[in-house]
Protein backbone atom coordinates (compact mmCIF):
# COMPACT_ATOMS: atom_id res chain seq x y z
CA MET A 1 -26.52 -9.14 8.17
CA SER A 2 -23.48 -11.13 7.07
CA ASP A 3 -19.95 -9.87 7.64
CA VAL A 4 -19.36 -9.31 3.90
CA LEU A 5 -22.17 -9.07 1.37
CA PHE A 6 -21.78 -9.10 -2.42
CA THR A 7 -24.89 -8.10 -4.41
CA TYR A 8 -25.84 -8.03 -8.07
CA GLY A 9 -29.43 -7.01 -8.80
CA ALA A 10 -31.71 -9.19 -6.67
CA ASN A 11 -28.97 -11.75 -6.08
CA SER A 12 -26.47 -11.76 -3.24
CA VAL A 13 -23.92 -13.95 -1.51
CA GLU A 14 -22.91 -13.71 2.14
CA LEU A 15 -19.40 -14.41 3.45
CA PRO A 16 -17.60 -14.24 6.77
CA PHE A 17 -14.82 -11.70 7.20
CA PRO A 18 -11.58 -12.70 5.44
CA VAL A 19 -8.75 -13.97 7.59
CA ALA A 20 -5.70 -11.74 8.16
CA SER A 21 -3.65 -10.70 6.50
CA ASP A 22 -5.35 -8.98 3.59
CA GLU A 23 -3.26 -6.82 1.27
CA VAL A 24 -4.21 -3.59 -0.50
CA GLU A 25 -2.34 -2.34 -3.57
CA ILE A 26 -2.68 1.35 -4.39
CA SER A 27 -1.54 2.10 -7.95
CA LEU A 28 -0.79 5.74 -8.67
CA PRO A 29 -0.71 7.14 -12.26
CA PHE A 30 2.88 8.37 -12.00
CA ASP A 31 5.47 8.59 -14.78
CA PHE A 32 9.06 8.90 -13.56
CA THR A 33 11.74 10.66 -15.64
CA GLU A 34 15.34 10.49 -14.43
CA LEU A 35 17.34 13.56 -15.45
CA ASP A 36 21.09 13.62 -16.09
CA ASN A 37 21.74 15.21 -12.71
CA ASN A 38 19.97 12.28 -10.97
CA THR A 39 16.93 14.34 -10.03
CA THR A 40 13.53 12.88 -10.83
CA VAL A 41 10.54 14.52 -12.49
CA ILE A 42 7.24 12.85 -11.62
CA THR A 43 4.22 13.39 -13.85
CA ASP A 44 0.93 12.73 -12.07
CA CYS A 45 -2.06 12.07 -14.32
CA GLY A 46 -4.46 12.77 -11.44
CA ASN A 47 -6.23 10.88 -8.68
CA LYS A 48 -9.15 9.91 -10.92
CA TYR A 49 -6.73 7.38 -12.43
CA ASP A 50 -5.76 5.87 -9.07
CA LYS A 51 -6.53 2.17 -8.71
CA ARG A 52 -7.01 0.22 -5.51
CA LYS A 53 -7.42 -3.52 -5.15
CA CYS A 54 -7.52 -5.91 -2.24
CA SER A 55 -6.18 -9.45 -2.14
CA CYS A 56 -7.82 -11.37 0.69
CA THR A 57 -8.38 -14.92 1.87
CA PHE A 58 -11.68 -16.42 3.02
CA ILE A 59 -12.20 -19.72 4.82
CA LEU A 60 -15.54 -21.02 3.55
CA THR A 61 -17.81 -23.97 4.12
CA THR A 62 -18.67 -26.05 1.07
CA THR A 63 -22.07 -24.33 0.88
CA GLN A 64 -20.54 -20.84 1.10
CA GLN A 65 -17.98 -21.73 -1.58
CA GLU A 66 -20.61 -23.18 -3.90
CA ASN A 67 -22.76 -20.05 -3.50
CA LEU A 68 -19.77 -17.77 -4.16
CA SER A 69 -18.64 -19.76 -7.21
CA THR A 70 -22.12 -19.63 -8.69
CA PHE A 71 -22.33 -15.89 -8.00
CA ILE A 72 -18.95 -15.07 -9.60
CA ASN A 73 -19.05 -17.51 -12.51
CA THR A 74 -22.75 -17.42 -13.41
CA THR A 75 -24.99 -14.86 -11.69
CA ALA A 76 -22.68 -11.83 -11.82
CA ARG A 77 -20.20 -13.12 -14.36
CA ALA A 78 -18.17 -10.24 -15.84
CA LYS A 79 -20.29 -7.68 -14.00
CA ASN A 80 -19.66 -4.99 -11.39
CA VAL A 81 -21.16 -5.87 -8.02
CA ALA A 82 -21.88 -4.08 -4.73
CA LEU A 83 -19.75 -4.84 -1.71
CA THR A 84 -21.52 -3.99 1.55
CA LEU A 85 -19.79 -3.88 4.93
CA PRO A 86 -21.57 -3.59 8.30
CA ALA A 87 -22.80 -0.11 9.18
CA THR A 88 -21.20 -0.36 12.62
CA GLY A 89 -17.74 -0.78 11.12
CA SER A 90 -15.40 -3.72 10.98
CA ASP A 91 -11.74 -4.58 10.94
CA LEU A 92 -11.83 -4.94 7.15
CA TYR A 93 -10.54 -1.93 5.21
CA PRO A 94 -10.75 -3.33 1.67
CA PHE A 95 -9.14 -0.32 -0.03
CA GLY A 96 -7.01 1.17 2.72
CA CYS A 97 -7.63 2.70 6.14
CA ASP A 98 -8.23 6.09 4.53
CA ARG A 99 -11.20 4.74 2.54
CA GLY A 100 -13.13 3.24 5.38
CA ASN A 101 -14.59 0.03 6.74
CA THR A 102 -18.34 0.64 6.36
CA GLY A 103 -20.90 1.22 3.65
CA ASN A 104 -21.25 0.25 0.01
CA PHE A 105 -18.49 -0.07 -2.57
CA THR A 106 -18.83 -0.83 -6.28
CA VAL A 107 -16.28 -3.51 -7.12
CA SER A 108 -15.15 -6.22 -9.47
CA ILE A 109 -14.35 -9.61 -7.95
CA GLU A 110 -12.34 -12.50 -9.28
CA PHE A 111 -10.69 -15.64 -7.98
CA LYS A 112 -6.96 -15.21 -7.54
CA ASP A 113 -6.61 -18.97 -7.96
CA THR A 114 -8.82 -22.05 -7.78
CA PRO A 115 -10.35 -22.46 -4.30
CA LYS A 116 -8.97 -25.56 -2.55
CA ILE A 117 -10.62 -27.79 0.00
CA GLN A 118 -8.63 -28.37 3.19
CA GLN A 119 -7.94 -31.04 5.76
CA ASN A 120 -7.43 -28.30 8.33
CA PRO A 121 -9.93 -26.82 8.85
CA PHE A 122 -11.64 -30.02 7.73
CA LYS A 123 -13.91 -29.73 4.67
CA TYR A 124 -13.40 -25.96 4.43
CA PHE A 125 -12.25 -24.13 1.31
CA ILE A 126 -9.38 -21.66 1.19
CA CYS A 127 -10.61 -19.00 -1.24
CA ASN A 128 -8.37 -16.15 -2.41
CA LEU A 129 -10.19 -13.20 -3.97
CA ILE A 130 -9.07 -10.04 -5.72
CA ILE A 131 -11.53 -7.22 -5.08
CA THR A 132 -11.00 -4.02 -7.09
CA ASN A 133 -12.79 -0.75 -6.47
CA VAL A 134 -14.47 0.54 -9.65
CA GLY A 135 -16.72 3.28 -8.27
CA SER A 136 -16.88 6.12 -5.79
CA TYR A 137 -15.95 5.53 -2.17
CA PRO A 138 -18.52 5.91 0.60
CA ALA A 139 -18.21 8.91 2.90
CA PHE A 140 -15.66 8.29 5.64
CA ALA A 141 -14.09 10.48 8.32
CA LEU A 142 -10.45 9.78 9.14
CA PRO A 143 -10.07 8.44 12.68
CA THR A 144 -8.49 10.55 15.41
CA GLU A 145 -4.77 9.88 15.35
CA ILE A 146 -3.24 7.87 18.19
CA ASP A 147 0.47 8.41 18.82
CA ASP A 148 2.56 5.50 17.63
CA GLY A 149 6.16 6.68 18.05
CA LEU A 150 8.49 9.67 17.79
CA TRP A 151 9.25 10.48 14.20
CA THR A 152 7.56 12.81 11.73
CA PHE A 153 6.34 11.88 8.25
CA GLY A 154 5.23 15.04 6.43
CA ASP A 155 2.22 16.38 8.33
CA VAL A 156 1.78 13.10 10.20
CA VAL A 157 3.57 13.29 13.54
CA ASN A 158 4.43 10.70 16.20
CA CYS A 159 4.86 7.79 13.80
CA ARG A 160 6.50 4.52 14.80
CA MET A 161 10.13 3.91 13.89
CA PRO A 162 10.18 1.17 11.21
CA GLN A 163 10.96 -2.00 13.11
CA GLY A 164 12.90 -3.56 10.22
CA LEU A 165 14.98 -0.39 9.84
CA PHE A 166 15.87 0.80 6.33
CA GLU A 167 17.26 -0.30 2.98
CA PRO A 168 19.18 2.76 1.73
CA ILE A 169 20.34 2.89 -1.90
CA GLN A 170 23.05 5.46 -2.56
CA LYS A 171 23.92 6.12 -6.22
CA TYR A 172 27.13 7.94 -7.08
CA SER A 173 27.62 9.94 -10.28
CA MET A 174 31.10 8.52 -10.65
CA SER A 175 32.37 5.57 -12.63
CA VAL A 176 35.71 3.76 -12.79
CA GLN A 177 37.12 2.06 -15.87
CA LEU A 178 40.29 -0.03 -15.78
CA THR A 179 42.65 0.05 -18.76
CA GLU A 180 44.57 -2.97 -20.03
CA ASN A 181 47.56 -2.07 -17.87
CA SER A 182 45.27 -1.88 -14.81
CA SER A 183 45.42 1.88 -14.40
CA ALA A 184 42.15 3.52 -13.40
CA GLN A 185 40.26 6.08 -15.44
CA TYR A 186 37.60 8.07 -13.60
CA PHE A 187 34.53 9.90 -14.82
CA ASP A 188 33.00 12.05 -12.11
CA ARG A 189 30.03 14.36 -12.62
CA GLY A 190 30.37 15.68 -9.07
CA SER A 191 28.63 15.02 -5.79
CA LEU A 192 25.61 17.09 -6.84
CA GLY A 193 24.79 14.25 -9.22
CA ASP A 194 24.64 11.68 -6.41
CA SER A 195 21.22 10.47 -5.28
CA ALA A 196 19.81 8.68 -2.26
CA VAL A 197 16.74 6.43 -2.09
CA VAL A 198 15.33 4.42 0.80
CA LYS A 199 12.97 1.46 0.84
CA TYR A 200 11.35 0.41 4.09
CA VAL A 201 8.23 -0.96 5.74
CA GLN A 202 6.27 1.42 7.98
CA GLN A 203 4.46 -0.28 10.84
CA CYS A 204 1.49 1.65 12.20
CA ASN A 205 -1.84 1.52 13.95
CA THR A 206 -5.10 2.07 12.07
CA SER A 207 -5.22 5.83 12.65
CA LYS A 208 -1.64 6.45 11.50
CA CYS A 209 -2.11 4.17 8.49
CA ALA A 210 -5.16 6.20 7.46
CA ALA A 211 -3.32 9.50 8.00
CA ILE A 212 -0.22 8.44 6.02
CA LEU A 213 -2.22 7.02 3.10
CA ASN A 214 -4.44 10.10 2.95
CA TYR A 215 -1.38 12.38 3.10
CA LEU A 216 0.41 10.55 0.29
CA THR A 217 -2.54 10.00 -2.06
CA SER A 218 -4.70 13.07 -1.42
CA THR A 219 -2.33 15.81 -0.23
CA LYS A 220 1.23 15.35 -1.53
CA ARG A 221 1.07 12.71 -4.25
CA ASN A 222 4.09 13.57 -6.48
CA GLY A 223 5.08 16.60 -4.39
CA ASN A 224 7.94 17.05 -1.93
CA PHE A 225 7.53 16.79 1.84
CA ASP A 226 9.75 16.60 4.92
CA ILE A 227 10.52 13.69 7.18
CA THR A 228 12.28 14.19 10.51
CA THR A 229 14.15 11.23 11.97
CA LYS A 230 15.70 10.56 15.37
CA ASP A 231 19.24 9.56 16.40
CA TYR A 232 20.67 6.41 14.80
CA TYR A 233 18.00 6.12 12.11
CA TYR A 234 20.53 6.66 9.28
CA ILE A 235 17.56 6.45 6.93
CA PHE A 236 19.69 7.15 3.83
CA GLY A 237 22.73 5.23 5.00
CA ALA A 238 26.13 6.08 6.41
CA ASP A 239 26.77 8.92 3.91
CA HIS A 240 23.99 10.92 5.57
CA ALA A 241 23.23 12.12 9.06
CA SER A 242 22.12 9.88 11.88
CA ALA A 243 19.16 12.19 12.51
CA ASP A 244 17.96 15.03 10.34
CA THR A 245 15.06 16.59 8.48
CA TYR A 246 15.06 15.43 4.86
CA THR A 247 13.01 16.68 1.93
CA VAL A 248 11.75 13.67 -0.01
CA HIS A 249 9.16 12.50 -2.51
CA LEU A 250 7.55 9.16 -3.26
CA PHE A 251 9.75 7.01 -5.46
CA THR A 252 7.21 4.36 -6.39
CA ASP A 253 3.88 4.24 -8.19
CA LYS A 254 2.62 1.38 -6.00
CA ILE A 255 1.93 1.50 -2.26
CA ILE A 256 1.36 -1.90 -0.65
CA VAL A 257 -0.57 -2.05 2.63
CA LYS A 258 -0.71 -5.28 4.64
CA HIS A 259 -3.24 -5.80 7.40
CA LEU A 260 -1.50 -8.06 9.90
CA GLY A 261 -4.18 -8.07 12.61
CA TYR A 262 -6.34 -5.84 14.72
CA ASP A 263 -5.00 -2.25 14.67
CA ASN A 264 -1.79 -3.49 13.04
CA PHE A 265 -0.73 -2.47 9.53
CA GLU A 266 2.41 -2.31 7.39
CA ILE A 267 2.97 0.10 4.49
CA GLN A 268 5.73 -0.64 1.95
CA LEU A 269 7.30 2.65 0.86
CA ALA A 270 10.14 4.01 -1.26
CA LEU A 271 11.31 7.63 -0.85
CA LYS A 272 13.94 9.68 -2.66
CA ASN A 273 15.97 12.44 -1.00
CA VAL A 274 15.80 15.67 -3.01
């Protein structure tokens, strides 16, 4: 069998595995409401409205590209198709490590842009596809977790410290206005109105990526959970402790997962301290 097989009815097209790095976007049906005290209410419409799509790049021969173009633009034009991955597993997790790398998926496929022929590799096409899951996911058991570091993310322990550190965003419920004579007028709603958010990229192996994604999308979603950091993390900046246990919630409705190589993933996250 091919590495990647797309099928519609009696027609199919075979492709090699995409080259790294592929990117998965998980869109969550969250509505965020900021209250006057800087707390956030998150309305979750439910996981049946979650959407997952994969952007990936294939390097194809002219024959493979011609077959794929005919399949997308003629044979299965504007139709759902079956995506089949090898039964023995692969390094392609088209919709996240928590959704598996084997079996059959029902998907839509489209060209992200016009495939381009290359000098290097000579006479090969660079083909960027967007593959979106539109059906149920095949059965998949989360892999046994392999320790990756020392910090705790909710129920997922021994995670790796983010190698790019953190981008804290501290908002203060205080404003300063200067009058015409340069005197300052202050409006302060008090420190309880301050808020702290952090954006960062979580590096992880396959097992931790699966555990974190499953925890966020299946267990906690819009709920609060704890993270426990180590010395000198300063995850929420200098106004907060070097190391502590913080209660947080997701502060984004999109989780981006990049597959950088074998057993090597990055998850883009935003969390708010509550």
